[in-house]
Amino acid sequence: MLTKNIAAECATLEDFWFPKVIGEVNGQLLKVAKLKGQLVWHAHDEEDELFYIVKGELKIELQDRTLHLAEGDFATIAKGTMHNPIAEEECWILLIEPASTKHTGNALTPRTRSLEQQLNAAR
């Protein structure tokens, strides 16, 4: 059995847009991250992705609309959906996604983190 406090895990993070793996359930990774600004337009071709807002607010731009998420809200982004997360102010999130999910899909940026980096995030 593993127990952790999601907000406490988020509070340990130092870098924005650098997910940290905090658990796993049936091949799905639980990751926490601090966000501020925008990441990059990207898609995950084979994986759905769940964003849960722990603290703050997050906009997720989609090609046809923008989702506005507040603390306690979650949204599932279906595989193959182009999306661009934007946090005007600091936002803490929990991501739930398959272990095969690439951080920024096929879009490579200086913020892109490998799964190994996310697993070994020591903050």
C-alpha atoms as a PDB file:
ATOM      1  CA  MET A   1       0.000   0.000   0.000  1.00  0.00           C
ATOM      2  CA  LEU A   2       1.238   3.479  -0.856  1.00  0.00           C
ATOM      3  CA  THR A   3      -0.102   6.674   0.685  1.00  0.00           C
ATOM      4  CA  LYS A   4       0.899  10.192  -0.317  1.00  0.00           C
ATOM      5  CA  ASN A   5      -0.578  13.658  -0.073  1.00  0.00           C
ATOM      6  CA  ILE A   6      -0.929  15.158  -3.563  1.00  0.00           C
ATOM      7  CA  ALA A   7      -0.700  18.803  -2.451  1.00  0.00           C
ATOM      8  CA  ALA A   8       2.365  18.039  -0.320  1.00  0.00           C
ATOM      9  CA  GLU A   9       4.014  16.340  -3.309  1.00  0.00           C
ATOM     10  CA  CYS A  10       3.257  19.385  -5.490  1.00  0.00           C
ATOM     11  CA  ALA A  11       4.717  21.701  -2.854  1.00  0.00           C
ATOM     12  CA  THR A  12       8.097  19.956  -3.170  1.00  0.00           C
ATOM     13  CA  LEU A  13       8.401  20.771  -6.883  1.00  0.00           C
ATOM     14  CA  GLU A  14      10.787  23.530  -7.908  1.00  0.00           C
ATOM     15  CA  ASP A  15      10.586  23.643 -11.718  1.00  0.00           C
ATOM     16  CA  PHE A  16       7.528  24.450 -13.785  1.00  0.00           C
ATOM     17  CA  TRP A  17       6.413  21.924 -16.423  1.00  0.00           C
ATOM     18  CA  PHE A  18       8.586  19.137 -14.958  1.00  0.00           C
ATOM     19  CA  PRO A  19       6.267  16.256 -13.987  1.00  0.00           C
ATOM     20  CA  LYS A  20       7.258  13.981 -11.124  1.00  0.00           C
ATOM     21  CA  VAL A  21       5.941  10.412 -10.959  1.00  0.00           C
ATOM     22  CA  ILE A  22       4.459   9.762  -7.512  1.00  0.00           C
ATOM     23  CA  GLY A  23       2.671   6.461  -8.089  1.00  0.00           C
ATOM     24  CA  GLU A  24       1.388   3.825 -10.494  1.00  0.00           C
ATOM     25  CA  VAL A  25      -1.912   1.979 -10.833  1.00  0.00           C
ATOM     26  CA  ASN A  26      -2.378  -0.754 -13.449  1.00  0.00           C
ATOM     27  CA  GLY A  27       0.130   0.760 -15.872  1.00  0.00           C
ATOM     28  CA  GLN A  28      -1.166   4.295 -15.361  1.00  0.00           C
ATOM     29  CA  LEU A  29       1.327   6.765 -13.896  1.00  0.00           C
ATOM     30  CA  LEU A  30       0.284   9.391 -11.375  1.00  0.00           C
ATOM     31  CA  LYS A  31       2.343  12.546 -11.888  1.00  0.00           C
ATOM     32  CA  VAL A  32       2.330  15.909 -10.165  1.00  0.00           C
ATOM     33  CA  ALA A  33       3.529  19.128 -11.767  1.00  0.00           C
ATOM     34  CA  LYS A  34       3.625  22.865 -11.196  1.00  0.00           C
ATOM     35  CA  LEU A  35       2.620  24.887 -14.232  1.00  0.00           C
ATOM     36  CA  LYS A  36       2.998  28.537 -15.189  1.00  0.00           C
ATOM     37  CA  GLY A  37       2.855  29.983 -18.693  1.00  0.00           C
ATOM     38  CA  GLN A  38       2.219  27.638 -21.595  1.00  0.00           C
ATOM     39  CA  LEU A  39       3.757  24.350 -22.632  1.00  0.00           C
ATOM     40  CA  VAL A  40       3.360  23.638 -26.369  1.00  0.00           C
ATOM     41  CA  TRP A  41       0.689  22.456 -28.792  1.00  0.00           C
ATOM     42  CA  HIS A  42       0.974  18.668 -28.874  1.00  0.00           C
ATOM     43  CA  ALA A  43      -0.969  15.425 -28.994  1.00  0.00           C
ATOM     44  CA  HIS A  44      -0.507  11.934 -27.614  1.00  0.00           C
ATOM     45  CA  ASP A  45      -1.288   9.633 -30.516  1.00  0.00           C
ATOM     46  CA  GLU A  46      -2.016   6.491 -28.504  1.00  0.00           C
ATOM     47  CA  GLU A  47      -2.869   7.641 -24.988  1.00  0.00           C
ATOM     48  CA  ASP A  48      -5.628   9.522 -23.176  1.00  0.00           C
ATOM     49  CA  GLU A  49      -4.482  11.975 -20.500  1.00  0.00           C
ATOM     50  CA  LEU A  50      -6.282  13.166 -17.363  1.00  0.00           C
ATOM     51  CA  PHE A  51      -5.589  16.595 -15.832  1.00  0.00           C
ATOM     52  CA  TYR A  52      -6.817  17.125 -12.238  1.00  0.00           C
ATOM     53  CA  ILE A  53      -6.406  20.620 -10.788  1.00  0.00           C
ATOM     54  CA  VAL A  54      -4.991  20.490  -7.258  1.00  0.00           C
ATOM     55  CA  LYS A  55      -4.506  24.260  -6.881  1.00  0.00           C
ATOM     56  CA  GLY A  56      -5.082  27.243  -9.158  1.00  0.00           C
ATOM     57  CA  GLU A  57      -6.603  27.360 -12.635  1.00  0.00           C
ATOM     58  CA  LEU A  58      -5.653  25.914 -16.012  1.00  0.00           C
ATOM     59  CA  LYS A  59      -6.780  26.613 -19.543  1.00  0.00           C
ATOM     60  CA  ILE A  60      -6.377  23.848 -22.075  1.00  0.00           C
ATOM     61  CA  GLU A  61      -6.640  25.095 -25.631  1.00  0.00           C
ATOM     62  CA  LEU A  62      -8.110  22.619 -28.087  1.00  0.00           C
ATOM     63  CA  GLN A  63      -8.474  23.166 -31.817  1.00  0.00           C
ATOM     64  CA  ASP A  64     -12.199  23.958 -31.524  1.00  0.00           C
ATOM     65  CA  ARG A  65     -12.550  25.373 -27.988  1.00  0.00           C
ATOM     66  CA  THR A  66     -10.794  26.184 -24.723  1.00  0.00           C
ATOM     67  CA  LEU A  67     -11.391  24.310 -21.481  1.00  0.00           C
ATOM     68  CA  HIS A  68     -11.286  26.345 -18.264  1.00  0.00           C
ATOM     69  CA  LEU A  69     -10.461  24.250 -15.204  1.00  0.00           C
ATOM     70  CA  ALA A  70     -10.473  25.392 -11.562  1.00  0.00           C
ATOM     71  CA  GLU A  71      -9.334  23.717  -8.359  1.00  0.00           C
ATOM     72  CA  GLY A  72     -11.027  20.336  -8.007  1.00  0.00           C
ATOM     73  CA  ASP A  73     -11.905  20.066 -11.717  1.00  0.00           C
ATOM     74  CA  PHE A  74     -10.560  17.451 -14.080  1.00  0.00           C
ATOM     75  CA  ALA A  75     -10.551  16.954 -17.829  1.00  0.00           C
ATOM     76  CA  THR A  76      -9.672  13.957 -19.938  1.00  0.00           C
ATOM     77  CA  ILE A  77      -7.927  14.708 -23.215  1.00  0.00           C
ATOM     78  CA  ALA A  78      -8.586  11.925 -25.706  1.00  0.00           C
ATOM     79  CA  LYS A  79      -5.713  10.355 -27.601  1.00  0.00           C
ATOM     80  CA  GLY A  80      -4.830  12.160 -30.809  1.00  0.00           C
ATOM     81  CA  THR A  81      -6.300  15.487 -29.598  1.00  0.00           C
ATOM     82  CA  MET A  82      -4.094  18.519 -30.161  1.00  0.00           C
ATOM     83  CA  HIS A  83      -3.971  20.544 -26.940  1.00  0.00           C
ATOM     84  CA  ASN A  84      -1.998  23.361 -25.335  1.00  0.00           C
ATOM     85  CA  PRO A  85      -2.084  23.770 -21.538  1.00  0.00           C
ATOM     86  CA  ILE A  86      -1.787  27.355 -20.243  1.00  0.00           C
ATOM     87  CA  ALA A  87      -1.556  28.535 -16.628  1.00  0.00           C
ATOM     88  CA  GLU A  88      -1.776  32.322 -16.216  1.00  0.00           C
ATOM     89  CA  GLU A  89      -0.689  31.949 -12.569  1.00  0.00           C
ATOM     90  CA  GLU A  90       0.989  29.048 -10.786  1.00  0.00           C
ATOM     91  CA  CYS A  91      -1.145  25.920 -10.995  1.00  0.00           C
ATOM     92  CA  TRP A  92      -0.629  22.505  -9.414  1.00  0.00           C
ATOM     93  CA  ILE A  93      -1.908  19.427 -11.217  1.00  0.00           C
ATOM     94  CA  LEU A  94      -2.144  15.673 -10.987  1.00  0.00           C
ATOM     95  CA  LEU A  95      -1.790  13.867 -14.314  1.00  0.00           C
ATOM     96  CA  ILE A  96      -2.953  10.305 -14.829  1.00  0.00           C
ATOM     97  CA  GLU A  97      -1.665   8.718 -18.018  1.00  0.00           C
ATOM     98  CA  PRO A  98      -0.204   5.469 -19.353  1.00  0.00           C
ATOM     99  CA  ALA A  99       3.516   4.952 -18.784  1.00  0.00           C
ATOM    100  CA  SER A 100       4.012   5.086 -22.568  1.00  0.00           C
ATOM    101  CA  THR A 101       2.870   8.730 -22.759  1.00  0.00           C
ATOM    102  CA  LYS A 102       5.568  11.084 -24.011  1.00  0.00           C
ATOM    103  CA  HIS A 103       5.622  14.342 -22.051  1.00  0.00           C
ATOM    104  CA  THR A 104       5.035  16.615 -25.061  1.00  0.00           C
ATOM    105  CA  GLY A 105       3.957  14.014 -27.597  1.00  0.00           C
ATOM    106  CA  ASN A 106       6.009  14.371 -30.775  1.00  0.00           C
ATOM    107  CA  ALA A 107       6.729  18.057 -30.096  1.00  0.00           C
ATOM    108  CA  LEU A 108      10.217  18.480 -28.661  1.00  0.00           C
ATOM    109  CA  THR A 109      10.977  21.644 -26.682  1.00  0.00           C
ATOM    110  CA  PRO A 110      13.512  22.624 -24.021  1.00  0.00           C
ATOM    111  CA  ARG A 111      10.775  21.756 -21.488  1.00  0.00           C
ATOM    112  CA  THR A 112      10.315  18.192 -22.783  1.00  0.00           C
ATOM    113  CA  ARG A 113      11.168  15.630 -20.096  1.00  0.00           C
ATOM    114  CA  SER A 114      11.830  11.923 -20.613  1.00  0.00           C
ATOM    115  CA  LEU A 115      10.045   9.314 -18.534  1.00  0.00           C
ATOM    116  CA  GLU A 116      13.373   8.564 -16.857  1.00  0.00           C
ATOM    117  CA  GLN A 117      13.678  12.215 -15.784  1.00  0.00           C
ATOM    118  CA  GLN A 118      10.112  12.175 -14.454  1.00  0.00           C
ATOM    119  CA  LEU A 119      10.728   8.953 -12.530  1.00  0.00           C
ATOM    120  CA  ASN A 120      13.961  10.262 -11.036  1.00  0.00           C
ATOM    121  CA  ALA A 121      12.714  13.770 -10.235  1.00  0.00           C
ATOM    122  CA  ALA A 122      14.402  14.461  -6.924  1.00  0.00           C
ATOM    123  CA  ARG A 123      13.075  17.739  -5.619  1.00  0.00           C
END
